[in-house]
PDB file of all heavy atoms in Angstrom:
ATOM      1  N   GLU A   1      14.931  -0.936 -12.864  1.00  0.00           N
ATOM      2  CA  GLU A   1      16.226  -1.594 -13.019  1.00  0.00           C
ATOM      3  C   GLU A   1      16.614  -2.394 -11.782  1.00  0.00           C
ATOM      4  O   GLU A   1      17.419  -3.307 -11.854  1.00  0.00           O
ATOM      5  CB  GLU A   1      17.301  -0.555 -13.334  1.00  0.00           C
ATOM      6  CG  GLU A   1      17.109   0.079 -14.698  1.00  0.00           C
ATOM      7  CD  GLU A   1      18.173   1.108 -15.009  1.00  0.00           C
ATOM      8  OE1 GLU A   1      19.226   1.111 -14.342  1.00  0.00           O
ATOM      9  OE2 GLU A   1      17.942   1.908 -15.920  1.00  0.00           O
ATOM     10  N   GLN A   2      16.005  -2.049 -10.639  1.00  0.00           N
ATOM     11  CA  GLN A   2      16.358  -2.719  -9.389  1.00  0.00           C
ATOM     12  C   GLN A   2      15.426  -3.881  -9.044  1.00  0.00           C
ATOM     13  O   GLN A   2      15.888  -4.913  -8.584  1.00  0.00           O
ATOM     14  CB  GLN A   2      16.304  -1.720  -8.231  1.00  0.00           C
ATOM     15  CG  GLN A   2      17.292  -0.589  -8.338  1.00  0.00           C
ATOM     16  CD  GLN A   2      17.037   0.430  -7.253  1.00  0.00           C
ATOM     17  OE1 GLN A   2      15.994   1.079  -7.254  1.00  0.00           O
ATOM     18  NE2 GLN A   2      17.970   0.559  -6.332  1.00  0.00           N
ATOM     19  N   PHE A   3      14.114  -3.683  -9.254  1.00  0.00           N
ATOM     20  CA  PHE A   3      13.144  -4.672  -8.765  1.00  0.00           C
ATOM     21  C   PHE A   3      12.114  -4.990  -9.838  1.00  0.00           C
ATOM     22  O   PHE A   3      11.700  -4.126 -10.599  1.00  0.00           O
ATOM     23  CB  PHE A   3      12.426  -4.127  -7.524  1.00  0.00           C
ATOM     24  CG  PHE A   3      13.358  -3.535  -6.515  1.00  0.00           C
ATOM     25  CD1 PHE A   3      13.353  -2.177  -6.263  1.00  0.00           C
ATOM     26  CD2 PHE A   3      14.266  -4.322  -5.840  1.00  0.00           C
ATOM     27  CE1 PHE A   3      14.227  -1.613  -5.354  1.00  0.00           C
ATOM     28  CE2 PHE A   3      15.153  -3.765  -4.932  1.00  0.00           C
ATOM     29  CZ  PHE A   3      15.134  -2.416  -4.679  1.00  0.00           C
ATOM     30  N   ASP A   4      11.678  -6.245  -9.861  1.00  0.00           N
ATOM     31  CA  ASP A   4      10.665  -6.633 -10.839  1.00  0.00           C
ATOM     32  C   ASP A   4       9.266  -6.300 -10.334  1.00  0.00           C
ATOM     33  O   ASP A   4       9.074  -5.947  -9.175  1.00  0.00           O
ATOM     34  CB  ASP A   4      10.794  -8.122 -11.192  1.00  0.00           C
ATOM     35  CG  ASP A   4      10.575  -9.048  -9.994  1.00  0.00           C
ATOM     36  OD1 ASP A   4       9.714  -8.750  -9.136  1.00  0.00           O
ATOM     37  OD2 ASP A   4      11.259 -10.074  -9.924  1.00  0.00           O
ATOM     38  N   ARG A   5       8.305  -6.414 -11.221  1.00  0.00           N
ATOM     39  CA  ARG A   5       6.911  -6.060 -10.948  1.00  0.00           C
ATOM     40  C   ARG A   5       6.337  -6.839  -9.752  1.00  0.00           C
ATOM     41  O   ARG A   5       5.623  -6.280  -8.930  1.00  0.00           O
ATOM     42  CB  ARG A   5       6.105  -6.327 -12.214  1.00  0.00           C
ATOM     43  CG  ARG A   5       4.635  -6.317 -12.034  1.00  0.00           C
ATOM     44  CD  ARG A   5       3.919  -6.500 -13.339  1.00  0.00           C
ATOM     45  NE  ARG A   5       3.383  -5.197 -13.633  1.00  0.00           N
ATOM     46  CZ  ARG A   5       3.075  -4.742 -14.793  1.00  0.00           C
ATOM     47  NH1 ARG A   5       3.240  -5.496 -15.848  1.00  0.00           N
ATOM     48  NH2 ARG A   5       2.569  -3.557 -14.945  1.00  0.00           N
ATOM     49  N   VAL A   6       6.652  -8.112  -9.643  1.00  0.00           N
ATOM     50  CA  VAL A   6       6.118  -8.950  -8.566  1.00  0.00           C
ATOM     51  C   VAL A   6       6.678  -8.509  -7.209  1.00  0.00           C
ATOM     52  O   VAL A   6       5.943  -8.431  -6.220  1.00  0.00           O
ATOM     53  CB  VAL A   6       6.407 -10.444  -8.829  1.00  0.00           C
ATOM     54  CG1 VAL A   6       5.988 -11.296  -7.650  1.00  0.00           C
ATOM     55  CG2 VAL A   6       5.698 -10.897 -10.102  1.00  0.00           C
ATOM     56  N   THR A   7       7.949  -8.197  -7.157  1.00  0.00           N
ATOM     57  CA  THR A   7       8.561  -7.722  -5.908  1.00  0.00           C
ATOM     58  C   THR A   7       7.893  -6.431  -5.453  1.00  0.00           C
ATOM     59  O   THR A   7       7.577  -6.269  -4.263  1.00  0.00           O
ATOM     60  CB  THR A   7      10.075  -7.509  -6.094  1.00  0.00           C
ATOM     61  OG1 THR A   7      10.673  -8.751  -6.466  1.00  0.00           O
ATOM     62  CG2 THR A   7      10.724  -6.973  -4.823  1.00  0.00           C
ATOM     63  N   ILE A   8       7.657  -5.528  -6.385  1.00  0.00           N
ATOM     64  CA  ILE A   8       6.994  -4.262  -6.052  1.00  0.00           C
ATOM     65  C   ILE A   8       5.583  -4.533  -5.546  1.00  0.00           C
ATOM     66  O   ILE A   8       5.169  -3.995  -4.518  1.00  0.00           O
ATOM     67  CB  ILE A   8       6.986  -3.311  -7.271  1.00  0.00           C
ATOM     68  CG1 ILE A   8       8.416  -2.912  -7.625  1.00  0.00           C
ATOM     69  CG2 ILE A   8       6.120  -2.081  -6.988  1.00  0.00           C
ATOM     70  CD1 ILE A   8       8.560  -2.244  -8.981  1.00  0.00           C
ATOM     71  N   TYR A   9       4.840  -5.376  -6.247  1.00  0.00           N
ATOM     72  CA  TYR A   9       3.469  -5.705  -5.837  1.00  0.00           C
ATOM     73  C   TYR A   9       3.444  -6.307  -4.426  1.00  0.00           C
ATOM     74  O   TYR A   9       2.665  -5.885  -3.575  1.00  0.00           O
ATOM     75  CB  TYR A   9       2.838  -6.684  -6.839  1.00  0.00           C
ATOM     76  CG  TYR A   9       1.464  -7.127  -6.423  1.00  0.00           C
ATOM     77  CD1 TYR A   9       0.360  -6.301  -6.607  1.00  0.00           C
ATOM     78  CD2 TYR A   9       1.267  -8.364  -5.818  1.00  0.00           C
ATOM     79  CE1 TYR A   9      -0.905  -6.696  -6.204  1.00  0.00           C
ATOM     80  CE2 TYR A   9       0.011  -8.767  -5.415  1.00  0.00           C
ATOM     81  CZ  TYR A   9      -1.072  -7.937  -5.608  1.00  0.00           C
ATOM     82  OH  TYR A   9      -2.319  -8.335  -5.201  1.00  0.00           O
ATOM     83  N   ARG A  10       4.292  -7.266  -4.170  1.00  0.00           N
ATOM     84  CA  ARG A  10       4.333  -7.919  -2.846  1.00  0.00           C
ATOM     85  C   ARG A  10       4.739  -6.936  -1.752  1.00  0.00           C
ATOM     86  O   ARG A  10       4.197  -6.969  -0.649  1.00  0.00           O
ATOM     87  CB  ARG A  10       5.287  -9.107  -2.869  1.00  0.00           C
ATOM     88  CG  ARG A  10       4.738 -10.267  -3.647  1.00  0.00           C
ATOM     89  CD  ARG A  10       5.675 -11.448  -3.590  1.00  0.00           C
ATOM     90  NE  ARG A  10       5.134 -12.557  -4.366  1.00  0.00           N
ATOM     91  CZ  ARG A  10       5.864 -13.505  -4.912  1.00  0.00           C
ATOM     92  NH1 ARG A  10       7.178 -13.506  -4.750  1.00  0.00           N
ATOM     93  NH2 ARG A  10       5.297 -14.466  -5.593  1.00  0.00           N
ATOM     94  N   THR A  11       5.674  -6.061  -2.069  1.00  0.00           N
ATOM     95  CA  THR A  11       6.091  -5.048  -1.097  1.00  0.00           C
ATOM     96  C   THR A  11       4.931  -4.118  -0.772  1.00  0.00           C
ATOM     97  O   THR A  11       4.666  -3.824   0.403  1.00  0.00           O
ATOM     98  CB  THR A  11       7.300  -4.251  -1.629  1.00  0.00           C
ATOM     99  OG1 THR A  11       8.374  -5.164  -1.883  1.00  0.00           O
ATOM    100  CG2 THR A  11       7.739  -3.191  -0.634  1.00  0.00           C
ATOM    101  N   LEU A  12       4.200  -3.665  -1.788  1.00  0.00           N
ATOM    102  CA  LEU A  12       3.048  -2.790  -1.557  1.00  0.00           C
ATOM    103  C   LEU A  12       1.973  -3.497  -0.725  1.00  0.00           C
ATOM    104  O   LEU A  12       1.412  -2.912   0.198  1.00  0.00           O
ATOM    105  CB  LEU A  12       2.466  -2.310  -2.888  1.00  0.00           C
ATOM    106  CG  LEU A  12       3.327  -1.317  -3.657  1.00  0.00           C
ATOM    107  CD1 LEU A  12       2.752  -1.087  -5.049  1.00  0.00           C
ATOM    108  CD2 LEU A  12       3.460  -0.006  -2.895  1.00  0.00           C
ATOM    109  N   GLN A  13       1.692  -4.758  -1.047  1.00  0.00           N
ATOM    110  CA  GLN A  13       0.685  -5.508  -0.286  1.00  0.00           C
ATOM    111  C   GLN A  13       1.107  -5.658   1.179  1.00  0.00           C
ATOM    112  O   GLN A  13       0.291  -5.511   2.086  1.00  0.00           O
ATOM    113  CB  GLN A  13       0.440  -6.881  -0.920  1.00  0.00           C
ATOM    114  CG  GLN A  13      -0.277  -6.805  -2.242  1.00  0.00           C
ATOM    115  CD  GLN A  13      -1.548  -5.980  -2.170  1.00  0.00           C
ATOM    116  OE1 GLN A  13      -1.620  -4.899  -2.734  1.00  0.00           O
ATOM    117  NE2 GLN A  13      -2.541  -6.441  -1.470  1.00  0.00           N
ATOM    118  N   THR A  14       2.374  -5.921   1.406  1.00  0.00           N
ATOM    119  CA  THR A  14       2.889  -6.025   2.775  1.00  0.00           C
ATOM    120  C   THR A  14       2.748  -4.696   3.495  1.00  0.00           C
ATOM    121  O   THR A  14       2.311  -4.652   4.656  1.00  0.00           O
ATOM    122  CB  THR A  14       4.364  -6.476   2.760  1.00  0.00           C
ATOM    123  OG1 THR A  14       4.446  -7.757   2.140  1.00  0.00           O
ATOM    124  CG2 THR A  14       4.938  -6.532   4.167  1.00  0.00           C
ATOM    125  N   PHE A  15       3.085  -3.600   2.825  1.00  0.00           N
ATOM    126  CA  PHE A  15       2.970  -2.274   3.434  1.00  0.00           C
ATOM    127  C   PHE A  15       1.516  -1.946   3.771  1.00  0.00           C
ATOM    128  O   PHE A  15       1.240  -1.354   4.811  1.00  0.00           O
ATOM    129  CB  PHE A  15       3.554  -1.202   2.518  1.00  0.00           C
ATOM    130  CG  PHE A  15       5.065  -1.164   2.468  1.00  0.00           C
ATOM    131  CD1 PHE A  15       5.704  -0.308   1.589  1.00  0.00           C
ATOM    132  CD2 PHE A  15       5.856  -1.970   3.280  1.00  0.00           C
ATOM    133  CE1 PHE A  15       7.092  -0.243   1.538  1.00  0.00           C
ATOM    134  CE2 PHE A  15       7.236  -1.926   3.231  1.00  0.00           C
ATOM    135  CZ  PHE A  15       7.862  -1.056   2.360  1.00  0.00           C
ATOM    136  N   VAL A  16       0.583  -2.333   2.916  1.00  0.00           N
ATOM    137  CA  VAL A  16      -0.846  -2.100   3.203  1.00  0.00           C
ATOM    138  C   VAL A  16      -1.266  -2.916   4.418  1.00  0.00           C
ATOM    139  O   VAL A  16      -1.904  -2.409   5.345  1.00  0.00           O
ATOM    140  CB  VAL A  16      -1.729  -2.431   1.979  1.00  0.00           C
ATOM    141  CG1 VAL A  16      -3.211  -2.445   2.365  1.00  0.00           C
ATOM    142  CG2 VAL A  16      -1.486  -1.438   0.858  1.00  0.00           C
ATOM    143  N   GLU A  17      -0.908  -4.186   4.437  1.00  0.00           N
ATOM    144  CA  GLU A  17      -1.271  -5.072   5.552  1.00  0.00           C
ATOM    145  C   GLU A  17      -0.711  -4.572   6.879  1.00  0.00           C
ATOM    146  O   GLU A  17      -1.372  -4.665   7.909  1.00  0.00           O
ATOM    147  CB  GLU A  17      -0.766  -6.498   5.290  1.00  0.00           C
ATOM    148  CG  GLU A  17      -1.507  -7.202   4.182  1.00  0.00           C
ATOM    149  CD  GLU A  17      -0.829  -8.496   3.755  1.00  0.00           C
ATOM    150  OE1 GLU A  17       0.120  -8.963   4.449  1.00  0.00           O
ATOM    151  OE2 GLU A  17      -1.223  -9.039   2.706  1.00  0.00           O
ATOM    152  N   LYS A  18       0.483  -4.026   6.858  1.00  0.00           N
ATOM    153  CA  LYS A  18       1.140  -3.571   8.080  1.00  0.00           C
ATOM    154  C   LYS A  18       0.736  -2.155   8.494  1.00  0.00           C
ATOM    155  O   LYS A  18       1.137  -1.671   9.541  1.00  0.00           O
ATOM    156  CB  LYS A  18       2.671  -3.629   7.924  1.00  0.00           C
ATOM    157  CG  LYS A  18       3.219  -5.032   7.810  1.00  0.00           C
ATOM    158  CD  LYS A  18       3.119  -5.767   9.128  1.00  0.00           C
ATOM    159  CE  LYS A  18       3.851  -7.078   9.100  1.00  0.00           C
ATOM    160  NZ  LYS A  18       3.863  -7.734  10.410  1.00  0.00           N
ATOM    161  N   GLY A  19      -0.050  -1.473   7.659  1.00  0.00           N
ATOM    162  CA  GLY A  19      -0.466  -0.108   8.000  1.00  0.00           C
ATOM    163  C   GLY A  19       0.588   0.939   7.717  1.00  0.00           C
ATOM    164  O   GLY A  19       0.588   2.008   8.324  1.00  0.00           O
ATOM    165  N   ILE A  20       1.470   0.650   6.762  1.00  0.00           N
ATOM    166  CA  ILE A  20       2.508   1.611   6.389  1.00  0.00           C
ATOM    167  C   ILE A  20       2.003   2.510   5.260  1.00  0.00           C
ATOM    168  O   ILE A  20       2.292   3.690   5.227  1.00  0.00           O
ATOM    169  CB  ILE A  20       3.810   0.883   5.989  1.00  0.00           C
ATOM    170  CG1 ILE A  20       4.350   0.101   7.193  1.00  0.00           C
ATOM    171  CG2 ILE A  20       4.852   1.858   5.465  1.00  0.00           C
ATOM    172  CD1 ILE A  20       5.499  -0.835   6.881  1.00  0.00           C
ATOM    173  N   VAL A  21       1.268   1.939   4.314  1.00  0.00           N
ATOM    174  CA  VAL A  21       0.630   2.712   3.255  1.00  0.00           C
ATOM    175  C   VAL A  21      -0.847   2.352   3.199  1.00  0.00           C
ATOM    176  O   VAL A  21      -1.260   1.294   3.677  1.00  0.00           O
ATOM    177  CB  VAL A  21       1.285   2.493   1.852  1.00  0.00           C
ATOM    178  CG1 VAL A  21       2.731   2.917   1.846  1.00  0.00           C
ATOM    179  CG2 VAL A  21       1.112   1.086   1.370  1.00  0.00           C
ATOM    180  N   HIS A  22      -1.647   3.253   2.628  1.00  0.00           N
ATOM    181  CA  HIS A  22      -3.062   2.965   2.427  1.00  0.00           C
ATOM    182  C   HIS A  22      -3.398   3.095   0.952  1.00  0.00           C
ATOM    183  O   HIS A  22      -2.662   3.713   0.186  1.00  0.00           O
ATOM    184  CB  HIS A  22      -3.965   3.858   3.285  1.00  0.00           C
ATOM    185  CG  HIS A  22      -3.855   5.316   3.000  1.00  0.00           C
ATOM    186  ND1 HIS A  22      -2.856   6.116   3.531  1.00  0.00           N
ATOM    187  CD2 HIS A  22      -4.620   6.139   2.242  1.00  0.00           C
ATOM    188  CE1 HIS A  22      -3.019   7.364   3.117  1.00  0.00           C
ATOM    189  NE2 HIS A  22      -4.078   7.414   2.323  1.00  0.00           N
ATOM    190  N   THR A  23      -4.503   2.476   0.567  1.00  0.00           N
ATOM    191  CA  THR A  23      -4.915   2.495  -0.828  1.00  0.00           C
ATOM    192  C   THR A  23      -5.933   3.596  -1.070  1.00  0.00           C
ATOM    193  O   THR A  23      -6.673   3.987  -0.175  1.00  0.00           O
ATOM    194  CB  THR A  23      -5.522   1.145  -1.242  1.00  0.00           C
ATOM    195  OG1 THR A  23      -6.637   0.861  -0.394  1.00  0.00           O
ATOM    196  CG2 THR A  23      -4.502   0.026  -1.154  1.00  0.00           C
ATOM    197  N   ILE A  24      -5.946   4.063  -2.311  1.00  0.00           N
ATOM    198  CA  ILE A  24      -6.891   5.082  -2.744  1.00  0.00           C
ATOM    199  C   ILE A  24      -7.504   4.583  -4.046  1.00  0.00           C
ATOM    200  O   ILE A  24      -6.784   4.375  -5.027  1.00  0.00           O
ATOM    201  CB  ILE A  24      -6.182   6.432  -2.997  1.00  0.00           C
ATOM    202  CG1 ILE A  24      -5.430   6.884  -1.742  1.00  0.00           C
ATOM    203  CG2 ILE A  24      -7.179   7.481  -3.453  1.00  0.00           C
ATOM    204  CD1 ILE A  24      -4.418   7.982  -2.002  1.00  0.00           C
ATOM    205  N   PRO A  25      -8.816   4.376  -4.082  1.00  0.00           N
ATOM    206  CA  PRO A  25      -9.436   3.921  -5.332  1.00  0.00           C
ATOM    207  C   PRO A  25      -9.499   5.065  -6.343  1.00  0.00           C
ATOM    208  O   PRO A  25      -9.545   6.230  -5.969  1.00  0.00           O
ATOM    209  CB  PRO A  25     -10.838   3.506  -4.886  1.00  0.00           C
ATOM    210  CG  PRO A  25     -11.113   4.325  -3.671  1.00  0.00           C
ATOM    211  CD  PRO A  25      -9.781   4.542  -3.001  1.00  0.00           C
ATOM    212  N   THR A  26      -9.493   4.720  -7.615  1.00  0.00           N
ATOM    213  CA  THR A  26      -9.602   5.733  -8.663  1.00  0.00           C
ATOM    214  C   THR A  26     -10.804   5.430  -9.547  1.00  0.00           C
ATOM    215  O   THR A  26     -11.363   4.333  -9.501  1.00  0.00           O
ATOM    216  CB  THR A  26      -8.327   5.772  -9.530  1.00  0.00           C
ATOM    217  OG1 THR A  26      -8.201   4.516 -10.203  1.00  0.00           O
ATOM    218  CG2 THR A  26      -7.092   6.036  -8.707  1.00  0.00           C
ATOM    219  N   ALA A  27     -11.180   6.387 -10.364  1.00  0.00           N
ATOM    220  CA  ALA A  27     -12.352   6.239 -11.229  1.00  0.00           C
ATOM    221  C   ALA A  27     -12.196   5.102 -12.242  1.00  0.00           C
ATOM    222  O   ALA A  27     -13.179   4.503 -12.659  1.00  0.00           O
ATOM    223  CB  ALA A  27     -12.621   7.552 -11.956  1.00  0.00           C
ATOM    224  N   ASP A  28     -10.958   4.794 -12.619  1.00  0.00           N
ATOM    225  CA  ASP A  28     -10.738   3.725 -13.598  1.00  0.00           C
ATOM    226  C   ASP A  28     -10.471   2.368 -12.943  1.00  0.00           C
ATOM    227  O   ASP A  28      -9.941   1.458 -13.565  1.00  0.00           O
ATOM    228  CB  ASP A  28      -9.607   4.099 -14.549  1.00  0.00           C
ATOM    229  CG  ASP A  28      -8.259   4.214 -13.852  1.00  0.00           C
ATOM    230  OD1 ASP A  28      -8.191   4.101 -12.620  1.00  0.00           O
ATOM    231  OD2 ASP A  28      -7.260   4.444 -14.562  1.00  0.00           O
ATOM    232  N   ASN A  29     -10.843   2.245 -11.672  1.00  0.00           N
ATOM    233  CA  ASN A  29     -10.704   0.999 -10.899  1.00  0.00           C
ATOM    234  C   ASN A  29      -9.259   0.563 -10.672  1.00  0.00           C
ATOM    235  O   ASN A  29      -9.001  -0.597 -10.403  1.00  0.00           O
ATOM    236  CB  ASN A  29     -11.502  -0.144 -11.525  1.00  0.00           C
ATOM    237  CG  ASN A  29     -12.977   0.075 -11.386  1.00  0.00           C
ATOM    238  OD1 ASN A  29     -13.447   0.617 -10.391  1.00  0.00           O
ATOM    239  ND2 ASN A  29     -13.738  -0.321 -12.401  1.00  0.00           N
ATOM    240  N   SER A  30      -8.320   1.489 -10.789  1.00  0.00           N
ATOM    241  CA  SER A  30      -6.952   1.169 -10.403  1.00  0.00           C
ATOM    242  C   SER A  30      -6.769   1.620  -8.954  1.00  0.00           C
ATOM    243  O   SER A  30      -7.691   2.144  -8.342  1.00  0.00           O
ATOM    244  CB  SER A  30      -5.946   1.847 -11.339  1.00  0.00           C
ATOM    245  OG  SER A  30      -6.074   3.237 -11.276  1.00  0.00           O
ATOM    246  N   VAL A  31      -5.611   1.400  -8.426  1.00  0.00           N
ATOM    247  CA  VAL A  31      -5.346   1.731  -7.030  1.00  0.00           C
ATOM    248  C   VAL A  31      -4.101   2.597  -6.942  1.00  0.00           C
ATOM    249  O   VAL A  31      -3.108   2.352  -7.615  1.00  0.00           O
ATOM    250  CB  VAL A  31      -5.136   0.447  -6.190  1.00  0.00           C
ATOM    251  CG1 VAL A  31      -4.768   0.775  -4.755  1.00  0.00           C
ATOM    252  CG2 VAL A  31      -6.370  -0.434  -6.232  1.00  0.00           C
ATOM    253  N   LEU A  32      -4.180   3.606  -6.095  1.00  0.00           N
ATOM    254  CA  LEU A  32      -3.021   4.412  -5.758  1.00  0.00           C
ATOM    255  C   LEU A  32      -2.648   4.109  -4.320  1.00  0.00           C
ATOM    256  O   LEU A  32      -3.482   3.641  -3.539  1.00  0.00           O
ATOM    257  CB  LEU A  32      -3.343   5.900  -5.914  1.00  0.00           C
ATOM    258  CG  LEU A  32      -3.688   6.368  -7.324  1.00  0.00           C
ATOM    259  CD1 LEU A  32      -4.185   7.801  -7.283  1.00  0.00           C
ATOM    260  CD2 LEU A  32      -2.487   6.245  -8.236  1.00  0.00           C
ATOM    261  N   TYR A  33      -1.414   4.393  -3.967  1.00  0.00           N
ATOM    262  CA  TYR A  33      -0.917   4.134  -2.620  1.00  0.00           C
ATOM    263  C   TYR A  33      -0.333   5.417  -2.041  1.00  0.00           C
ATOM    264  O   TYR A  33       0.335   6.166  -2.737  1.00  0.00           O
ATOM    265  CB  TYR A  33       0.181   3.061  -2.651  1.00  0.00           C
ATOM    266  CG  TYR A  33      -0.278   1.748  -3.226  1.00  0.00           C
ATOM    267  CD1 TYR A  33      -0.214   1.502  -4.590  1.00  0.00           C
ATOM    268  CD2 TYR A  33      -0.786   0.755  -2.401  1.00  0.00           C
ATOM    269  CE1 TYR A  33      -0.641   0.291  -5.127  1.00  0.00           C
ATOM    270  CE2 TYR A  33      -1.216  -0.456  -2.929  1.00  0.00           C
ATOM    271  CZ  TYR A  33      -1.140  -0.676  -4.292  1.00  0.00           C
ATOM    272  OH  TYR A  33      -1.573  -1.870  -4.820  1.00  0.00           O
ATOM    273  N   ALA A  34      -0.605   5.643  -0.754  1.00  0.00           N
ATOM    274  CA  ALA A  34      -0.060   6.810  -0.066  1.00  0.00           C
ATOM    275  C   ALA A  34       0.429   6.382   1.313  1.00  0.00           C
ATOM    276  O   ALA A  34      -0.100   5.445   1.922  1.00  0.00           O
ATOM    277  CB  ALA A  34      -1.109   7.908   0.061  1.00  0.00           C
ATOM    278  N   LEU A  35       1.417   7.085   1.802  1.00  0.00           N
ATOM    279  CA  LEU A  35       2.002   6.798   3.106  1.00  0.00           C
ATOM    280  C   LEU A  35       0.997   7.062   4.217  1.00  0.00           C
ATOM    281  O   LEU A  35       0.312   8.085   4.214  1.00  0.00           O
ATOM    282  CB  LEU A  35       3.228   7.692   3.287  1.00  0.00           C
ATOM    283  CG  LEU A  35       4.288   7.275   4.278  1.00  0.00           C
ATOM    284  CD1 LEU A  35       4.835   5.895   3.959  1.00  0.00           C
ATOM    285  CD2 LEU A  35       5.426   8.285   4.254  1.00  0.00           C
ATOM    286  N   CYS A  36       0.866   6.138   5.150  1.00  0.00           N
ATOM    287  CA  CYS A  36      -0.015   6.306   6.302  1.00  0.00           C
ATOM    288  C   CYS A  36       0.676   7.184   7.347  1.00  0.00           C
ATOM    289  O   CYS A  36       1.893   7.336   7.350  1.00  0.00           O
ATOM    290  CB  CYS A  36      -0.325   4.964   6.959  1.00  0.00           C
ATOM    291  SG  CYS A  36      -1.401   3.892   6.009  1.00  0.00           S
ATOM    292  N   LYS A  37      -0.113   7.701   8.236  1.00  0.00           N
ATOM    293  CA  LYS A  37       0.429   8.424   9.383  1.00  0.00           C
ATOM    294  C   LYS A  37       0.766   7.403  10.474  1.00  0.00           C
ATOM    295  O   LYS A  37       0.460   6.221  10.363  1.00  0.00           O
ATOM    296  CB  LYS A  37      -0.580   9.456   9.893  1.00  0.00           C
ATOM    297  CG  LYS A  37      -0.870  10.526   8.873  1.00  0.00           C
ATOM    298  CD  LYS A  37       0.406  11.262   8.518  1.00  0.00           C
ATOM    299  CE  LYS A  37       0.232  12.159   7.332  1.00  0.00           C
ATOM    300  NZ  LYS A  37       1.481  12.538   6.728  1.00  0.00           N
ATOM    301  N   ASP A  38       1.355   7.867  11.542  1.00  0.00           N
ATOM    302  CA  ASP A  38       1.852   6.973  12.591  1.00  0.00           C
ATOM    303  C   ASP A  38       0.785   6.170  13.319  1.00  0.00           C
ATOM    304  O   ASP A  38       1.085   5.162  13.920  1.00  0.00           O
ATOM    305  CB  ASP A  38       2.655   7.774  13.624  1.00  0.00           C
ATOM    306  CG  ASP A  38       3.962   8.288  13.030  1.00  0.00           C
ATOM    307  OD1 ASP A  38       4.462   7.659  12.081  1.00  0.00           O
ATOM    308  OD2 ASP A  38       4.468   9.297  13.517  1.00  0.00           O
ATOM    309  N   ASN A  39      -0.484   6.600  13.271  1.00  0.00           N
ATOM    310  CA  ASN A  39      -1.484   5.896  14.073  1.00  0.00           C
ATOM    311  C   ASN A  39      -2.081   4.683  13.371  1.00  0.00           C
ATOM    312  O   ASN A  39      -2.943   4.023  13.917  1.00  0.00           O
ATOM    313  CB  ASN A  39      -2.597   6.861  14.518  1.00  0.00           C
ATOM    314  CG  ASN A  39      -3.322   7.487  13.340  1.00  0.00           C
ATOM    315  OD1 ASN A  39      -2.860   7.437  12.217  1.00  0.00           O
ATOM    316  ND2 ASN A  39      -4.464   8.075  13.614  1.00  0.00           N
ATOM    317  N   CYS A  40      -1.634   4.346  12.171  1.00  0.00           N
ATOM    318  CA  CYS A  40      -2.093   3.136  11.499  1.00  0.00           C
ATOM    319  C   CYS A  40      -1.234   1.965  11.965  1.00  0.00           C
ATOM    320  O   CYS A  40      -0.071   2.124  12.303  1.00  0.00           O
ATOM    321  CB  CYS A  40      -1.987   3.283   9.983  1.00  0.00           C
ATOM    322  SG  CYS A  40      -3.128   4.480   9.295  1.00  0.00           S
ATOM    323  N   SER A  41      -1.855   0.792  11.964  1.00  0.00           N
ATOM    324  CA  SER A  41      -1.123  -0.406  12.362  1.00  0.00           C
ATOM    325  C   SER A  41      -1.657  -1.582  11.570  1.00  0.00           C
ATOM    326  O   SER A  41      -2.601  -1.446  10.789  1.00  0.00           O
ATOM    327  CB  SER A  41      -1.284  -0.656  13.869  1.00  0.00           C
ATOM    328  OG  SER A  41      -2.650  -0.860  14.175  1.00  0.00           O
ATOM    329  N   GLN A  42      -1.095  -2.738  11.796  1.00  0.00           N
ATOM    330  CA  GLN A  42      -1.493  -3.917  11.046  1.00  0.00           C
ATOM    331  C   GLN A  42      -2.993  -4.163  11.182  1.00  0.00           C
ATOM    332  O   GLN A  42      -3.513  -4.307  12.284  1.00  0.00           O
ATOM    333  CB  GLN A  42      -0.722  -5.144  11.528  1.00  0.00           C
ATOM    334  CG  GLN A  42      -1.011  -6.371  10.699  1.00  0.00           C
ATOM    335  CD  GLN A  42      -0.025  -7.491  10.974  1.00  0.00           C
ATOM    336  OE1 GLN A  42       1.035  -7.275  11.539  1.00  0.00           O
ATOM    337  NE2 GLN A  42      -0.378  -8.682  10.558  1.00  0.00           N
ATOM    338  N   GLY A  43      -3.677  -4.166  10.045  1.00  0.00           N
ATOM    339  CA  GLY A  43      -5.108  -4.431  10.026  1.00  0.00           C
ATOM    340  C   GLY A  43      -5.981  -3.274  10.474  1.00  0.00           C
ATOM    341  O   GLY A  43      -7.200  -3.389  10.489  1.00  0.00           O
ATOM    342  N   HIS A  44      -5.382  -2.146  10.851  1.00  0.00           N
ATOM    343  CA  HIS A  44      -6.166  -1.008  11.348  1.00  0.00           C
ATOM    344  C   HIS A  44      -5.667   0.290  10.725  1.00  0.00           C
ATOM    345  O   HIS A  44      -4.735   0.909  11.213  1.00  0.00           O
ATOM    346  CB  HIS A  44      -6.069  -0.913  12.875  1.00  0.00           C
ATOM    347  CG  HIS A  44      -6.589  -2.117  13.565  1.00  0.00           C
ATOM    348  ND1 HIS A  44      -7.923  -2.385  13.686  1.00  0.00           N
ATOM    349  CD2 HIS A  44      -5.936  -3.145  14.149  1.00  0.00           C
ATOM    350  CE1 HIS A  44      -8.082  -3.533  14.328  1.00  0.00           C
ATOM    351  NE2 HIS A  44      -6.886  -4.019  14.613  1.00  0.00           N
ATOM    352  N   HIS A  45      -6.315   0.662   9.629  1.00  0.00           N
ATOM    353  CA  HIS A  45      -5.979   1.932   8.995  1.00  0.00           C
ATOM    354  C   HIS A  45      -6.864   3.023   9.574  1.00  0.00           C
ATOM    355  O   HIS A  45      -8.051   2.838   9.774  1.00  0.00           O
ATOM    356  CB  HIS A  45      -6.185   1.850   7.477  1.00  0.00           C
ATOM    357  CG  HIS A  45      -5.120   1.065   6.795  1.00  0.00           C
ATOM    358  ND1 HIS A  45      -3.946   1.623   6.379  1.00  0.00           N
ATOM    359  CD2 HIS A  45      -5.037  -0.244   6.484  1.00  0.00           C
ATOM    360  CE1 HIS A  45      -3.193   0.693   5.824  1.00  0.00           C
ATOM    361  NE2 HIS A  45      -3.830  -0.446   5.874  1.00  0.00           N
ATOM    362  N   HIS A  46      -6.256   4.152   9.871  1.00  0.00           N
ATOM    363  CA  HIS A  46      -6.984   5.291  10.434  1.00  0.00           C
ATOM    364  C   HIS A  46      -6.799   6.522   9.546  1.00  0.00           C
ATOM    365  O   HIS A  46      -6.705   7.628  10.030  1.00  0.00           O
ATOM    366  CB  HIS A  46      -6.494   5.586  11.860  1.00  0.00           C
ATOM    367  CG  HIS A  46      -6.655   4.414  12.767  1.00  0.00           C
ATOM    368  ND1 HIS A  46      -7.871   4.002  13.235  1.00  0.00           N
ATOM    369  CD2 HIS A  46      -5.747   3.535  13.254  1.00  0.00           C
ATOM    370  CE1 HIS A  46      -7.717   2.930  13.995  1.00  0.00           C
ATOM    371  NE2 HIS A  46      -6.429   2.630  14.018  1.00  0.00           N
TER     372      HIS A  46
END
């Protein structure tokens, strides 16, 4: 009710790029997202 699909997608992509969330592949080729720990940064996921 608050945000459209594109806004959510762009927000997730920004969070991945900045090291705020990381992606998790699944067996059906979809992607899950989880919160990163503090040592991740832009372009460097740990």
